[in-house]
């Protein structure tokens, strides 16, 4: 697992305590157990990052991402690896939706919404490649627009 998957539960943990009052012990324990909705949201973040940053990071000597792993294991092309990663992301969204409607979820609805918002944010942020990692001003404009000129 990459850093995003390890760091995301920590971010969600902080968000949970900032927006939830009172906290529920079962939900807190589920954060530590890496509950499905937390895991799937982190996977979507990771997959969006892999799809956008893979070529640039490989040039910098980073470890292979999902696309390269697929290519190495299957002998497929980059395009096939990208398609495979998109399929995995779609399946992960489906699993996340199933977790969200499960009646036994330990999380309040606003925490579930945060996990979905992280997945949406990741796909938006990496929609046109790795603008953040390559220091492109487009991501700054996109963030500023999202924060200060939201769609109502």
Foldseek 3Di string as FASTA:
>chain_A
DDPLLVCQLVVLLVVCVVPDPPDDPVQNVCSVVCHLLSNLLSLLLLLLQCLFCQVVVVVVVDDHGQLVVCCVVVVDDSVVSSVVSVVVNVVSVVSNVVQLPDPPDPDDNVSSVVSVVSSVVSCVLRVPGPCPVVVNCVSVVVVCCCVPVNDD
